[in-house]
Structures are given as C-alpha cells and as structure tokens.
C-alpha atoms as a PDB file:
ATOM      1  CA  MET A   1     -14.523  -4.030   2.298  1.00  0.00           C
ATOM      2  CA  PRO A   2     -10.586  -4.002   2.679  1.00  0.00           C
ATOM      3  CA  ASN A   3      -8.291  -6.470   1.799  1.00  0.00           C
ATOM      4  CA  LYS A   4      -6.652  -6.966   5.442  1.00  0.00           C
ATOM      5  CA  LYS A   5      -3.940  -9.371   4.290  1.00  0.00           C
ATOM      6  CA  SER A   6      -2.595  -7.011   2.019  1.00  0.00           C
ATOM      7  CA  GLY A   7      -3.504  -3.879   3.056  1.00  0.00           C
ATOM      8  CA  GLU A   8      -2.882  -4.060   7.435  1.00  0.00           C
ATOM      9  CA  GLN A   9       0.470  -3.951   7.329  1.00  0.00           C
ATOM     10  CA  ASN A  10       1.340  -0.847   4.400  1.00  0.00           C
ATOM     11  CA  LEU A  11      -0.729   0.889   6.616  1.00  0.00           C
ATOM     12  CA  GLY A  12       1.306   0.227   9.702  1.00  0.00           C
ATOM     13  CA  ILE A  13       4.209   0.692   8.210  1.00  0.00           C
ATOM     14  CA  MET A  14       3.472   4.260   6.908  1.00  0.00           C
ATOM     15  CA  ILE A  15       1.758   5.538   9.720  1.00  0.00           C
ATOM     16  CA  LYS A  16       4.618   4.997  11.800  1.00  0.00           C
ATOM     17  CA  THR A  17       6.998   6.615   9.098  1.00  0.00           C
ATOM     18  CA  LEU A  18       5.247   9.294   8.669  1.00  0.00           C
ATOM     19  CA  LEU A  19       5.278   9.883  12.440  1.00  0.00           C
ATOM     20  CA  LYS A  20       8.877   9.141  12.607  1.00  0.00           C
ATOM     21  CA  ASN A  21       9.579  11.762   9.976  1.00  0.00           C
ATOM     22  CA  ARG A  22       6.770  14.483  12.055  1.00  0.00           C
ATOM     23  CA  SER A  23       8.593  13.514  14.919  1.00  0.00           C
ATOM     24  CA  LEU A  24       4.847  12.525  16.636  1.00  0.00           C
ATOM     25  CA  SER A  25       4.252  10.322  19.372  1.00  0.00           C
ATOM     26  CA  MET A  26       1.078   7.959  18.828  1.00  0.00           C
ATOM     27  CA  ARG A  27       0.312  10.608  22.567  1.00  0.00           C
ATOM     28  CA  LYS A  28       0.264  12.970  20.430  1.00  0.00           C
ATOM     29  CA  LEU A  29      -1.457  12.043  17.433  1.00  0.00           C
ATOM     30  CA  SER A  30      -4.064  10.962  19.442  1.00  0.00           C
ATOM     31  CA  THR A  31      -4.284  14.578  21.045  1.00  0.00           C
ATOM     32  CA  ILE A  32      -4.462  16.101  17.605  1.00  0.00           C
ATOM     33  CA  THR A  33      -6.997  13.945  15.967  1.00  0.00           C
ATOM     34  CA  GLY A  34      -8.616  12.558  18.829  1.00  0.00           C
ATOM     35  CA  ILE A  35      -8.341   9.048  18.694  1.00  0.00           C
ATOM     36  CA  ASP A  36      -7.741   6.744  21.779  1.00  0.00           C
ATOM     37  CA  THR A  37      -3.534   6.292  21.679  1.00  0.00           C
ATOM     38  CA  ALA A  38      -4.431   2.246  22.190  1.00  0.00           C
ATOM     39  CA  THR A  39      -6.488   2.267  19.258  1.00  0.00           C
ATOM     40  CA  ILE A  40      -3.766   4.514  17.168  1.00  0.00           C
ATOM     41  CA  SER A  41      -1.110   1.321  18.973  1.00  0.00           C
ATOM     42  CA  ARG A  42      -3.503  -1.110  17.983  1.00  0.00           C
ATOM     43  CA  ILE A  43      -3.876   0.120  14.287  1.00  0.00           C
ATOM     44  CA  VAL A  44      -0.208   0.952  13.490  1.00  0.00           C
ATOM     45  CA  ASN A  45       0.901  -3.005  15.240  1.00  0.00           C
ATOM     46  CA  ASN A  46      -1.962  -4.602  12.593  1.00  0.00           C
ATOM     47  CA  LYS A  47      -4.117  -5.233  15.278  1.00  0.00           C
ATOM     48  CA  GLN A  48      -6.822  -3.785  14.618  1.00  0.00           C
ATOM     49  CA  GLN A  49      -9.023  -2.988  11.135  1.00  0.00           C
ATOM     50  CA  ALA A  50      -9.528   0.770   9.985  1.00  0.00           C
ATOM     51  CA  LYS A  51     -11.749   2.533   9.706  1.00  0.00           C
ATOM     52  CA  PRO A  52     -12.621   5.758   7.276  1.00  0.00           C
ATOM     53  CA  SER A  53     -13.619   7.612   9.599  1.00  0.00           C
ATOM     54  CA  HIS A  54      -9.738   7.432  11.027  1.00  0.00           C
ATOM     55  CA  LEU A  55      -7.836   6.983   7.912  1.00  0.00           C
ATOM     56  CA  GLN A  56      -9.852  10.176   7.001  1.00  0.00           C
ATOM     57  CA  LEU A  57      -8.202  12.117  10.671  1.00  0.00           C
ATOM     58  CA  PHE A  58      -4.863  10.655   9.759  1.00  0.00           C
ATOM     59  CA  ALA A  59      -4.604  11.987   6.345  1.00  0.00           C
ATOM     60  CA  ASP A  60      -5.622  15.457   7.810  1.00  0.00           C
ATOM     61  CA  HIS A  61      -2.708  15.618  10.356  1.00  0.00           C
ATOM     62  CA  LEU A  62      -0.170  13.907   8.842  1.00  0.00           C
ATOM     63  CA  GLY A  63      -0.421  15.681   5.733  1.00  0.00           C
ATOM     64  CA  VAL A  64      -0.733  12.763   3.511  1.00  0.00           C
ATOM     65  CA  PRO A  65      -3.725  11.732   0.396  1.00  0.00           C
ATOM     66  CA  VAL A  66      -6.440   9.563   2.640  1.00  0.00           C
ATOM     67  CA  ALA A  67      -6.436   8.306  -0.872  1.00  0.00           C
ATOM     68  CA  ILE A  68      -3.414   6.424  -0.268  1.00  0.00           C
ATOM     69  CA  LEU A  69      -4.605   6.201   3.109  1.00  0.00           C
ATOM     70  CA  PHE A  70      -7.700   3.985   1.833  1.00  0.00           C
ATOM     71  CA  GLN A  71      -5.323   2.065  -0.348  1.00  0.00           C
ATOM     72  CA  ALA A  72      -2.578   1.155   2.170  1.00  0.00           C
ATOM     73  CA  ALA A  73      -5.843  -0.272   4.115  1.00  0.00           C
ATOM     74  CA  GLY A  74      -6.695  -2.460   1.450  1.00  0.00           C
ATOM     75  CA  TYR A  75     -10.056  -0.329   0.663  1.00  0.00           C
ATOM     76  CA  ASP A  76     -10.598  -1.003  -3.451  1.00  0.00           C
ATOM     77  CA  LEU A  77     -12.128   2.034  -3.813  1.00  0.00           C
ATOM     78  CA  GLU A  78     -11.133   5.042  -6.843  1.00  0.00           C
ATOM     79  CA  LEU A  79     -10.409   8.477  -5.833  1.00  0.00           C
ATOM     80  CA  ASN A  80     -13.284  10.515  -5.240  1.00  0.00           C
ATOM     81  CA  GLU A  81     -13.487  13.597  -6.245  1.00  0.00           C
ATOM     82  CA  LYS A  82     -12.076  15.198  -3.414  1.00  0.00           C
ATOM     83  CA  ASN A  83      -8.441  13.817  -4.197  1.00  0.00           C
ATOM     84  CA  THR A  84      -8.119  13.892  -7.694  1.00  0.00           C
ATOM     85  CA  PRO A  85      -4.575  13.335  -9.338  1.00  0.00           C
ATOM     86  CA  SER A  86      -3.376  17.078  -8.814  1.00  0.00           C
ATOM     87  CA  ASP A  87      -3.940  16.580  -5.308  1.00  0.00           C
ATOM     88  CA  ILE A  88      -1.713  13.401  -5.624  1.00  0.00           C
ATOM     89  CA  LEU A  89       0.609  15.536  -8.001  1.00  0.00           C
ATOM     90  CA  ASP A  90       0.950  18.400  -5.101  1.00  0.00           C
ATOM     91  CA  SER A  91       1.956  16.186  -2.670  1.00  0.00           C
ATOM     92  CA  ILE A  92       4.590  14.786  -4.756  1.00  0.00           C
ATOM     93  CA  ASP A  93       7.204  16.046  -1.804  1.00  0.00           C
ATOM     94  CA  THR A  94       5.653  13.571   0.699  1.00  0.00           C
ATOM     95  CA  ILE A  95       5.364  10.295  -0.952  1.00  0.00           C
ATOM     96  CA  GLN A  96       8.481  10.661  -2.064  1.00  0.00           C
ATOM     97  CA  GLU A  97       8.934  10.842   2.099  1.00  0.00           C
ATOM     98  CA  ILE A  98       7.111   8.042   2.576  1.00  0.00           C
ATOM     99  CA  LEU A  99       9.213   5.780  -0.086  1.00  0.00           C
ATOM    100  CA  VAL A 100      12.747   6.754   0.881  1.00  0.00           C
ATOM    101  CA  SER A 101      12.065   6.507   4.895  1.00  0.00           C
ATOM    102  CA  SER A 102      10.674   3.635   4.576  1.00  0.00           C
ATOM    103  CA  ASN A 103      13.317   1.732   1.944  1.00  0.00           C
ATOM    104  CA  PHE A 104      10.549   0.237  -0.556  1.00  0.00           C
ATOM    105  CA  LEU A 105      12.823   2.273  -3.061  1.00  0.00           C
ATOM    106  CA  ASP A 106      16.461   2.019  -2.893  1.00  0.00           C
ATOM    107  CA  HIS A 107      16.304   5.614  -4.979  1.00  0.00           C
ATOM    108  CA  GLN A 108      15.072   9.416  -5.048  1.00  0.00           C
ATOM    109  CA  PHE A 109      12.108   9.318  -6.890  1.00  0.00           C
ATOM    110  CA  ASN A 110      11.247  12.517  -8.636  1.00  0.00           C
ATOM    111  CA  LEU A 111       8.933  14.300 -10.898  1.00  0.00           C
ATOM    112  CA  GLU A 112      11.520  14.362 -13.193  1.00  0.00           C
ATOM    113  CA  LYS A 113      12.259  10.837 -14.351  1.00  0.00           C
ATOM    114  CA  ILE A 114       8.756  10.754 -15.543  1.00  0.00           C
ATOM    115  CA  HIS A 115       8.954  13.875 -17.343  1.00  0.00           C
ATOM    116  CA  GLN A 116      11.466  12.239 -19.465  1.00  0.00           C
ATOM    117  CA  GLU A 117      10.306   8.689 -20.313  1.00  0.00           C
ATOM    118  CA  LEU A 118       7.248  11.561 -21.058  1.00  0.00           C
ATOM    119  CA  ALA A 119       9.780  13.385 -23.880  1.00  0.00           C
ATOM    120  CA  LYS A 120      11.305   9.192 -24.709  1.00  0.00           C
ATOM    121  CA  TYR A 121       7.711   8.746 -25.990  1.00  0.00           C
ATOM    122  CA  GLU A 122       6.568  11.366 -27.970  1.00  0.00           C
ATOM    123  CA  GLN A 123       8.086  10.584 -30.442  1.00  0.00           C
ATOM    124  CA  PHE A 124       7.191   7.557 -30.934  1.00  0.00           C
ATOM    125  CA  ALA A 125       3.937   8.326 -30.232  1.00  0.00           C
ATOM    126  CA  LEU A 126       3.811  10.041 -34.167  1.00  0.00           C
ATOM    127  CA  THR A 127       5.068   7.447 -35.994  1.00  0.00           C
ATOM    128  CA  LYS A 128       3.163   4.641 -37.006  1.00  0.00           C
ATOM    129  CA  GLU A 129       4.881   2.125 -34.524  1.00  0.00           C
ATOM    130  CA  GLY A 130       3.770   4.048 -31.896  1.00  0.00           C
ATOM    131  CA  GLU A 131       0.017   4.615 -32.710  1.00  0.00           C
ATOM    132  CA  GLN A 132      -0.712   0.908 -34.253  1.00  0.00           C
ATOM    133  CA  LYS A 133       0.650   0.034 -30.745  1.00  0.00           C
ATOM    134  CA  ILE A 134      -1.451   2.719 -28.806  1.00  0.00           C
ATOM    135  CA  LEU A 135      -4.133   1.009 -30.901  1.00  0.00           C
ATOM    136  CA  GLU A 136      -4.212  -1.985 -30.340  1.00  0.00           C
ATOM    137  CA  GLU A 137      -3.033  -2.257 -26.693  1.00  0.00           C
ATOM    138  CA  PHE A 138      -4.970   0.328 -24.670  1.00  0.00           C
ATOM    139  CA  GLU A 139      -8.511  -1.539 -24.302  1.00  0.00           C
ATOM    140  CA  THR A 140      -6.411  -4.518 -23.133  1.00  0.00           C
ATOM    141  CA  LYS A 141      -3.632  -2.641 -20.707  1.00  0.00           C
ATOM    142  CA  VAL A 142      -7.377  -1.080 -19.409  1.00  0.00           C
ATOM    143  CA  GLU A 143      -8.307  -4.748 -19.062  1.00  0.00           C
ATOM    144  CA  GLN A 144      -5.242  -6.316 -17.724  1.00  0.00           C
ATOM    145  CA  VAL A 145      -5.623  -3.231 -14.287  1.00  0.00           C
ATOM    146  CA  ARG A 146      -8.800  -3.933 -14.421  1.00  0.00           C
ATOM    147  CA  GLY A 147     -10.191  -0.724 -15.427  1.00  0.00           C
ATOM    148  CA  ALA A 148      -9.822   0.693 -11.514  1.00  0.00           C
ATOM    149  CA  GLY A 149      -7.193   3.527 -10.704  1.00  0.00           C
ATOM    150  CA  PRO A 150      -8.128   7.498 -10.154  1.00  0.00           C
ATOM    151  CA  PHE A 151      -6.302   8.101 -13.875  1.00  0.00           C
ATOM    152  CA  ILE A 152      -8.266   5.528 -15.695  1.00  0.00           C
ATOM    153  CA  ASN A 153     -10.979   8.174 -16.814  1.00  0.00           C
ATOM    154  CA  GLU A 154      -8.666  10.580 -17.888  1.00  0.00           C
ATOM    155  CA  LEU A 155      -6.367   7.617 -20.069  1.00  0.00           C
ATOM    156  CA  ASN A 156      -9.388   6.553 -21.222  1.00  0.00           C
ATOM    157  CA  GLU A 157     -10.774  10.094 -22.668  1.00  0.00           C
ATOM    158  CA  MET A 158      -7.132  10.697 -23.706  1.00  0.00           C
ATOM    159  CA  TYR A 159      -7.280   7.378 -25.727  1.00  0.00           C
ATOM    160  CA  LYS A 160     -10.668   9.099 -27.779  1.00  0.00           C
ATOM    161  CA  SER A 161      -8.521  12.337 -27.821  1.00  0.00           C
ATOM    162  CA  PHE A 162      -6.117  10.601 -29.553  1.00  0.00           C
ATOM    163  CA  CYS A 163      -8.096   8.989 -32.220  1.00  0.00           C
ATOM    164  CA  GLU A 164      -9.571  11.572 -33.154  1.00  0.00           C
ATOM    165  CA  GLU A 165      -7.324  12.748 -36.335  1.00  0.00           C
ATOM    166  CA  ASN A 166      -7.988  16.701 -36.191  1.00  0.00           C
ATOM    167  CA  ASN A 167      -5.609  16.567 -33.034  1.00  0.00           C
ATOM    168  CA  PRO A 168      -2.955  19.480 -34.111  1.00  0.00           C
ATOM    169  CA  ILE A 169       0.548  17.355 -34.440  1.00  0.00           C
ATOM    170  CA  GLU A 170       1.586  18.933 -31.024  1.00  0.00           C
ATOM    171  CA  LYS A 171      -1.031  17.355 -28.936  1.00  0.00           C
ATOM    172  CA  ARG A 172      -0.988  14.250 -30.354  1.00  0.00           C
ATOM    173  CA  ALA A 173       2.852  13.706 -29.643  1.00  0.00           C
ATOM    174  CA  ILE A 174       2.139  14.608 -25.848  1.00  0.00           C
ATOM    175  CA  LEU A 175      -1.581  12.985 -25.755  1.00  0.00           C
ATOM    176  CA  GLY A 176       0.417   9.964 -27.117  1.00  0.00           C
ATOM    177  CA  SER A 177       3.454   9.921 -24.689  1.00  0.00           C
ATOM    178  CA  VAL A 178       0.820   9.407 -21.918  1.00  0.00           C
ATOM    179  CA  LEU A 179      -1.035   6.760 -23.573  1.00  0.00           C
ATOM    180  CA  LEU A 180       3.041   5.036 -24.439  1.00  0.00           C
ATOM    181  CA  TYR A 181       4.031   5.544 -20.765  1.00  0.00           C
ATOM    182  CA  PHE A 182       0.548   3.222 -19.369  1.00  0.00           C
ATOM    183  CA  ILE A 183       1.050   1.008 -22.075  1.00  0.00           C
ATOM    184  CA  LEU A 184       4.810   0.201 -22.210  1.00  0.00           C
ATOM    185  CA  SER A 185       4.863   0.115 -18.097  1.00  0.00           C
ATOM    186  CA  THR A 186       7.856   2.262 -18.056  1.00  0.00           C
ATOM    187  CA  ASP A 187       7.079   2.288 -13.723  1.00  0.00           C
ATOM    188  CA  ILE A 188       9.228   4.388 -12.049  1.00  0.00           C
ATOM    189  CA  ILE A 189       7.992   3.261  -8.998  1.00  0.00           C
ATOM    190  CA  PRO A 190       7.504  -0.718  -8.928  1.00  0.00           C
ATOM    191  CA  ASP A 191       3.641  -2.019  -9.694  1.00  0.00           C
ATOM    192  CA  TYR A 192       4.503  -4.362  -6.344  1.00  0.00           C
ATOM    193  CA  VAL A 193       5.207  -1.114  -4.352  1.00  0.00           C
ATOM    194  CA  PHE A 194       2.343  -0.866  -2.257  1.00  0.00           C
ATOM    195  CA  PRO A 195      -0.091   1.726  -2.663  1.00  0.00           C
ATOM    196  CA  PHE A 196       1.926   3.084  -4.601  1.00  0.00           C
ATOM    197  CA  GLY A 197       2.761   1.497  -8.016  1.00  0.00           C
ATOM    198  CA  TYR A 198      -0.174   3.425  -9.976  1.00  0.00           C
ATOM    199  CA  LEU A 199       1.425   6.648  -8.653  1.00  0.00           C
ATOM    200  CA  ASP A 200       3.760   6.883 -10.805  1.00  0.00           C
ATOM    201  CA  ASP A 201       1.154   6.530 -13.897  1.00  0.00           C
ATOM    202  CA  CYS A 202      -1.182   8.967 -12.627  1.00  0.00           C
ATOM    203  CA  LEU A 203       0.826  12.052 -12.480  1.00  0.00           C
ATOM    204  CA  ALA A 204       2.157  11.045 -16.058  1.00  0.00           C
ATOM    205  CA  VAL A 205      -1.426  11.432 -16.827  1.00  0.00           C
ATOM    206  CA  GLN A 206      -1.549  14.650 -14.864  1.00  0.00           C
ATOM    207  CA  ILE A 207       1.786  16.295 -16.787  1.00  0.00           C
ATOM    208  CA  GLY A 208      -0.061  15.619 -19.545  1.00  0.00           C
ATOM    209  CA  LEU A 209      -3.275  17.258 -18.574  1.00  0.00           C
ATOM    210  CA  ASP A 210      -1.180  19.988 -17.658  1.00  0.00           C
ATOM    211  CA  ARG A 211       0.368  20.543 -20.796  1.00  0.00           C
ATOM    212  CA  LEU A 212      -3.360  20.278 -22.860  1.00  0.00           C
ATOM    213  CA  SER A 213      -4.354  22.686 -20.783  1.00  0.00           C
ATOM    214  CA  LYS A 214      -1.456  25.347 -20.974  1.00  0.00           C
ATOM    215  CA  ILE A 215      -1.834  24.411 -24.829  1.00  0.00           C
ATOM    216  CA  ASN A 216      -5.297  25.249 -25.203  1.00  0.00           C
ATOM    217  CA  LYS A 217      -5.086  28.927 -23.174  1.00  0.00           C
ATOM    218  CA  MET A 218      -2.250  29.400 -25.775  1.00  0.00           C
ATOM    219  CA  GLU A 219      -4.909  28.788 -28.424  1.00  0.00           C
ATOM    220  CA  ASP A 220      -7.840  30.615 -26.621  1.00  0.00           C
END
C-alpha cells in the first residue's frame, strides 16, 4: 500500500515536470494513455491516489522508469526484474532532467561525480583501515536502510565477494570502493530528495558491476 502523505505530492510534482519538459498537456497525456483527463488532473493535484496501472502507463509514455513513479507515489516496494539498476543507468538523462527542472537540486547531477567519489575510495579499500570499516560497518548500514532498495542484493553479493581472500587486488579495490560509497553515505543526491535519494548508491553499484564485468571478460 502506498504512503499517501509522503507520496502523492512528490508524484504530482514529478508528473507536472515531465509534462512541461515534454511540452505535453494533461489532455494529450490522456489521449496517449487512455486515462481520463479528469483522473490525471486529480492525480497530479494530489486529490486521487494513482493506481499501479496508471503509473505503468505514465512511465511508458513519459519515458521514466516505472519504479521511480512507484516510489514517488509512496509505494514501498523493491524494483522488479524489469526495473534493474541498469535500466535506471540508461535513464540518467531523464532523472537529471527531473531533478534540475523541479529545483530538487541546485546543481546539475551527472555520473562523473559518482565516478570521482568511487575513485577516491579504491585505494582506501585496500588499506587495513578501509577493510576494517567495510567489515565492521556494512551490515549495520544495511540494517539502517532496512534492507530495502533495488541495489541491496547486489551490495550483499559484492560484500561476500570482497570477503573472499583470493580476489585479485583490482577487483577487491572496485568492490571495496562501492561498499565504502554505500557505508560512508557520500550522497551526490541527498537522501531527502525523495524518491531519488537512493539512486546514486544504485548507480555506484551498477558502475562497479560494469567494471567487474569488463575485467571478467578480459580474463576469459
């Protein structure tokens, strides 16, 4: 069930922003989605709760990951197989567009900032201090976020891999940098920017997985 207090206002702002940036009216959105204009207006103005079917149609026609709309509407759920971190990575331009146009952030968000933060943590991850921080604080941080989020399963697997003694230094550095990013809360997108607060962690995970995948291909 959605959390109405935390959700509906955010969803309304998001849809208004997407419509404006795509030069669409509610009437035009009604035509392409088949949802009655009055229904769209009530959803946008926080007078009616959006159904999952509404959110899916909005996502399909406004070019935004459906999981983001579900979170904006206050639904407490993890991403399904169709909405993976990779999908969000591919939609970074849309996410940036919403953040900037809605004044959620006072600066432009881009992937380079996440790359820079991860690079800073790579060497630290290979030190005794960095390793100790990961081993002592990772599980606590997972508990703090209540094990929720589309990236938690990937982080748990990365943590298990980091703990393996036979990992090459390059892989260990990549794994450690992502885990430290998560633990130390170096949020490029602040957590209070609902529903985007988790996205930089999610993107950091995907960046790390992509790098590990390239290393594995080279080893094959």
